[in-house]
Amino acid sequence: MAQLSPEALEARRQHEREYRRKWRQKPENKQKEKEYRRRYWERKAKELMQ
């Protein structure tokens, strides 16, 4: 992959942040994210317990 300039990387980061923020505005997506985070932390806790 070609190296992007710092400005291009920052622009991409800002775009992704904005996209995620808008995506999360929808109630069904907010719920999906909550569920995903819950499962993620449950899995992490299980890994730590082993």
PDB file of N, CA and C in Angstrom:
ATOM      1  N   MET A   1       0.847  -1.198   0.000  1.00  0.00           N
ATOM      2  CA  MET A   1       0.000   0.000   0.000  1.00  0.00           C
ATOM      3  C   MET A   1       0.881   1.246   0.000  1.00  0.00           C
ATOM      4  N   ALA A   2       0.518   2.206  -0.790  1.00  0.00           N
ATOM      5  CA  ALA A   2       1.297   3.435  -0.875  1.00  0.00           C
ATOM      6  C   ALA A   2       1.201   4.216   0.430  1.00  0.00           C
ATOM      7  N   GLN A   3       2.288   4.850   0.790  1.00  0.00           N
ATOM      8  CA  GLN A   3       2.284   5.681   1.995  1.00  0.00           C
ATOM      9  C   GLN A   3       1.491   6.956   1.704  1.00  0.00           C
ATOM     10  N   LEU A   4       0.596   7.285   2.609  1.00  0.00           N
ATOM     11  CA  LEU A   4      -0.183   8.515   2.442  1.00  0.00           C
ATOM     12  C   LEU A   4       0.489   9.637   3.212  1.00  0.00           C
ATOM     13  N   SER A   5       0.322  10.837   2.710  1.00  0.00           N
ATOM     14  CA  SER A   5       0.894  11.986   3.420  1.00  0.00           C
ATOM     15  C   SER A   5       0.160  12.167   4.740  1.00  0.00           C
ATOM     16  N   PRO A   6       0.798  12.822   5.702  1.00  0.00           N
ATOM     17  CA  PRO A   6       0.121  13.056   6.994  1.00  0.00           C
ATOM     18  C   PRO A   6      -1.227  13.772   6.833  1.00  0.00           C
ATOM     19  N   GLU A   7      -1.304  14.683   5.866  1.00  0.00           N
ATOM     20  CA  GLU A   7      -2.557  15.406   5.636  1.00  0.00           C
ATOM     21  C   GLU A   7      -3.642  14.449   5.150  1.00  0.00           C
ATOM     22  N   ALA A   8      -3.263  13.543   4.241  1.00  0.00           N
ATOM     23  CA  ALA A   8      -4.233  12.578   3.714  1.00  0.00           C
ATOM     24  C   ALA A   8      -4.691  11.623   4.820  1.00  0.00           C
ATOM     25  N   LEU A   9      -3.757  11.198   5.657  1.00  0.00           N
ATOM     26  CA  LEU A   9      -4.119  10.311   6.763  1.00  0.00           C
ATOM     27  C   LEU A   9      -5.091  11.003   7.717  1.00  0.00           C
ATOM     28  N   GLU A  10      -4.811  12.261   8.008  1.00  0.00           N
ATOM     29  CA  GLU A  10      -5.674  13.025   8.914  1.00  0.00           C
ATOM     30  C   GLU A  10      -7.062  13.206   8.293  1.00  0.00           C
ATOM     31  N   ALA A  11      -7.101  13.492   6.997  1.00  0.00           N
ATOM     32  CA  ALA A  11      -8.379  13.669   6.305  1.00  0.00           C
ATOM     33  C   ALA A  11      -9.179  12.373   6.361  1.00  0.00           C
ATOM     34  N   ARG A  12      -8.509  11.247   6.159  1.00  0.00           N
ATOM     35  CA  ARG A  12      -9.203   9.961   6.210  1.00  0.00           C
ATOM     36  C   ARG A  12      -9.730   9.694   7.609  1.00  0.00           C
ATOM     37  N   ARG A  13      -8.898   9.984   8.612  1.00  0.00           N
ATOM     38  CA  ARG A  13      -9.321   9.778  10.007  1.00  0.00           C
ATOM     39  C   ARG A  13     -10.555  10.610  10.326  1.00  0.00           C
ATOM     40  N   GLN A  14     -10.522  11.865   9.899  1.00  0.00           N
ATOM     41  CA  GLN A  14     -11.666  12.743  10.167  1.00  0.00           C
ATOM     42  C   GLN A  14     -12.915  12.226   9.465  1.00  0.00           C
ATOM     43  N   HIS A  15     -12.754  11.783   8.224  1.00  0.00           N
ATOM     44  CA  HIS A  15     -13.899  11.262   7.468  1.00  0.00           C
ATOM     45  C   HIS A  15     -14.480  10.035   8.178  1.00  0.00           C
ATOM     46  N   GLU A  16     -13.620   9.107   8.605  1.00  0.00           N
ATOM     47  CA  GLU A  16     -14.098   7.898   9.273  1.00  0.00           C
ATOM     48  C   GLU A  16     -14.796   8.226  10.590  1.00  0.00           C
ATOM     49  N   ARG A  17     -14.224   9.175  11.333  1.00  0.00           N
ATOM     50  CA  ARG A  17     -14.819   9.583  12.607  1.00  0.00           C
ATOM     51  C   ARG A  17     -16.217  10.151  12.376  1.00  0.00           C
ATOM     52  N   GLU A  18     -16.325  11.008  11.367  1.00  0.00           N
ATOM     53  CA  GLU A  18     -17.613  11.638  11.043  1.00  0.00           C
ATOM     54  C   GLU A  18     -18.621  10.584  10.578  1.00  0.00           C
ATOM     55  N   TYR A  19     -18.158   9.650   9.741  1.00  0.00           N
ATOM     56  CA  TYR A  19     -19.037   8.597   9.242  1.00  0.00           C
ATOM     57  C   TYR A  19     -19.573   7.761  10.395  1.00  0.00           C
ATOM     58  N   ARG A  20     -18.685   7.353  11.322  1.00  0.00           N
ATOM     59  CA  ARG A  20     -19.108   6.544  12.471  1.00  0.00           C
ATOM     60  C   ARG A  20     -20.078   7.312  13.352  1.00  0.00           C
ATOM     61  N   ARG A  21     -19.816   8.615  13.532  1.00  0.00           N
ATOM     62  CA  ARG A  21     -20.689   9.430  14.370  1.00  0.00           C
ATOM     63  C   ARG A  21     -22.097   9.460  13.777  1.00  0.00           C
ATOM     64  N   LYS A  22     -22.178   9.654  12.461  1.00  0.00           N
ATOM     65  CA  LYS A  22     -23.488   9.685  11.806  1.00  0.00           C
ATOM     66  C   LYS A  22     -24.153   8.318  11.853  1.00  0.00           C
ATOM     67  N   TRP A  23     -23.360   7.261  11.670  1.00  0.00           N
ATOM     68  CA  TRP A  23     -23.889   5.891  11.693  1.00  0.00           C
ATOM     69  C   TRP A  23     -24.524   5.608  13.042  1.00  0.00           C
ATOM     70  N   ARG A  24     -23.851   6.071  14.116  1.00  0.00           N
ATOM     71  CA  ARG A  24     -24.338   5.816  15.478  1.00  0.00           C
ATOM     72  C   ARG A  24     -25.587   6.602  15.826  1.00  0.00           C
ATOM     73  N   GLN A  25     -25.919   7.613  15.030  1.00  0.00           N
ATOM     74  CA  GLN A  25     -27.113   8.415  15.337  1.00  0.00           C
ATOM     75  C   GLN A  25     -28.386   7.568  15.229  1.00  0.00           C
ATOM     76  N   LYS A  26     -28.364   6.574  14.336  1.00  0.00           N
ATOM     77  CA  LYS A  26     -29.560   5.743  14.132  1.00  0.00           C
ATOM     78  C   LYS A  26     -29.735   4.813  15.327  1.00  0.00           C
ATOM     79  N   PRO A  27     -30.942   4.744  15.862  1.00  0.00           N
ATOM     80  CA  PRO A  27     -31.192   3.914  17.049  1.00  0.00           C
ATOM     81  C   PRO A  27     -30.809   2.451  16.867  1.00  0.00           C
ATOM     82  N   GLU A  28     -31.109   1.877  15.683  1.00  0.00           N
ATOM     83  CA  GLU A  28     -30.786   0.458  15.502  1.00  0.00           C
ATOM     84  C   GLU A  28     -29.275   0.233  15.481  1.00  0.00           C
ATOM     85  N   ASN A  29     -28.527   1.195  14.952  1.00  0.00           N
ATOM     86  CA  ASN A  29     -27.074   1.068  14.940  1.00  0.00           C
ATOM     87  C   ASN A  29     -26.493   1.271  16.333  1.00  0.00           C
ATOM     88  N   LYS A  30     -27.111   2.171  17.086  1.00  0.00           N
ATOM     89  CA  LYS A  30     -26.678   2.404  18.466  1.00  0.00           C
ATOM     90  C   LYS A  30     -26.808   1.098  19.249  1.00  0.00           C
ATOM     91  N   GLN A  31     -27.914   0.414  19.023  1.00  0.00           N
ATOM     92  CA  GLN A  31     -28.168  -0.861  19.699  1.00  0.00           C
ATOM     93  C   GLN A  31     -27.148  -1.914  19.263  1.00  0.00           C
ATOM     94  N   LYS A  32     -26.860  -1.961  17.964  1.00  0.00           N
ATOM     95  CA  LYS A  32     -25.871  -2.917  17.443  1.00  0.00           C
ATOM     96  C   LYS A  32     -24.519  -2.688  18.110  1.00  0.00           C
ATOM     97  N   GLU A  33     -24.145  -1.425  18.223  1.00  0.00           N
ATOM     98  CA  GLU A  33     -22.842  -1.126  18.811  1.00  0.00           C
ATOM     99  C   GLU A  33     -22.788  -1.534  20.276  1.00  0.00           C
ATOM    100  N   LYS A  34     -23.860  -1.265  21.013  1.00  0.00           N
ATOM    101  CA  LYS A  34     -23.923  -1.668  22.424  1.00  0.00           C
ATOM    102  C   LYS A  34     -23.747  -3.173  22.560  1.00  0.00           C
ATOM    103  N   GLU A  35     -24.461  -3.897  21.703  1.00  0.00           N
ATOM    104  CA  GLU A  35     -24.401  -5.354  21.722  1.00  0.00           C
ATOM    105  C   GLU A  35     -22.986  -5.843  21.386  1.00  0.00           C
ATOM    106  N   TYR A  36     -22.404  -5.233  20.388  1.00  0.00           N
ATOM    107  CA  TYR A  36     -21.048  -5.607  19.986  1.00  0.00           C
ATOM    108  C   TYR A  36     -20.061  -5.381  21.132  1.00  0.00           C
ATOM    109  N   ARG A  37     -20.142  -4.213  21.759  1.00  0.00           N
ATOM    110  CA  ARG A  37     -19.233  -3.909  22.874  1.00  0.00           C
ATOM    111  C   ARG A  37     -19.426  -4.873  24.033  1.00  0.00           C
ATOM    112  N   ARG A  38     -20.677  -5.201  24.330  1.00  0.00           N
ATOM    113  CA  ARG A  38     -20.956  -6.130  25.419  1.00  0.00           C
ATOM    114  C   ARG A  38     -20.309  -7.482  25.136  1.00  0.00           C
ATOM    115  N   ARG A  39     -20.511  -7.983  23.911  1.00  0.00           N
ATOM    116  CA  ARG A  39     -19.916  -9.280  23.551  1.00  0.00           C
ATOM    117  C   ARG A  39     -18.396  -9.205  23.584  1.00  0.00           C
ATOM    118  N   TYR A  40     -17.840  -8.098  23.115  1.00  0.00           N
ATOM    119  CA  TYR A  40     -16.386  -7.922  23.108  1.00  0.00           C
ATOM    120  C   TYR A  40     -15.829  -8.017  24.527  1.00  0.00           C
ATOM    121  N   TRP A  41     -16.425  -7.292  25.460  1.00  0.00           N
ATOM    122  CA  TRP A  41     -15.911  -7.295  26.832  1.00  0.00           C
ATOM    123  C   TRP A  41     -16.158  -8.614  27.536  1.00  0.00           C
ATOM    124  N   GLU A  42     -17.268  -9.293  27.205  1.00  0.00           N
ATOM    125  CA  GLU A  42     -17.499 -10.623  27.782  1.00  0.00           C
ATOM    126  C   GLU A  42     -16.416 -11.588  27.315  1.00  0.00           C
ATOM    127  N   ARG A  43     -16.067 -11.505  26.027  1.00  0.00           N
ATOM    128  CA  ARG A  43     -15.020 -12.384  25.484  1.00  0.00           C
ATOM    129  C   ARG A  43     -13.675 -12.073  26.133  1.00  0.00           C
ATOM    130  N   LYS A  44     -13.372 -10.791  26.293  1.00  0.00           N
ATOM    131  CA  LYS A  44     -12.111 -10.387  26.932  1.00  0.00           C
ATOM    132  C   LYS A  44     -12.051 -10.912  28.362  1.00  0.00           C
ATOM    133  N   ALA A  45     -13.137 -10.780  29.091  1.00  0.00           N
ATOM    134  CA  ALA A  45     -13.188 -11.245  30.489  1.00  0.00           C
ATOM    135  C   ALA A  45     -12.962 -12.755  30.543  1.00  0.00           C
ATOM    136  N   LYS A  46     -13.587 -13.472  29.603  1.00  0.00           N
ATOM    137  CA  LYS A  46     -13.433 -14.934  29.570  1.00  0.00           C
ATOM    138  C   LYS A  46     -11.973 -15.310  29.296  1.00  0.00           C
ATOM    139  N   GLU A  47     -11.329 -14.583  28.392  1.00  0.00           N
ATOM    140  CA  GLU A  47      -9.909 -14.847  28.078  1.00  0.00           C
ATOM    141  C   GLU A  47      -9.037 -14.606  29.299  1.00  0.00           C
ATOM    142  N   LEU A  48      -9.340 -13.581  30.050  1.00  0.00           N
ATOM    143  CA  LEU A  48      -8.541 -13.252  31.238  1.00  0.00           C
ATOM    144  C   LEU A  48      -8.734 -14.286  32.347  1.00  0.00           C
ATOM    145  N   MET A  49      -9.920 -14.873  32.413  1.00  0.00           N
ATOM    146  CA  MET A  49     -10.212 -15.851  33.472  1.00  0.00           C
ATOM    147  C   MET A  49      -9.486 -17.171  33.257  1.00  0.00           C
ATOM    148  N   GLN A  50      -9.136 -17.471  32.034  1.00  0.00           N
ATOM    149  CA  GLN A  50      -8.486 -18.766  31.756  1.00  0.00           C
ATOM    150  C   GLN A  50      -7.096 -18.853  32.326  1.00  0.00           C
TER     151      GLN A  50
END
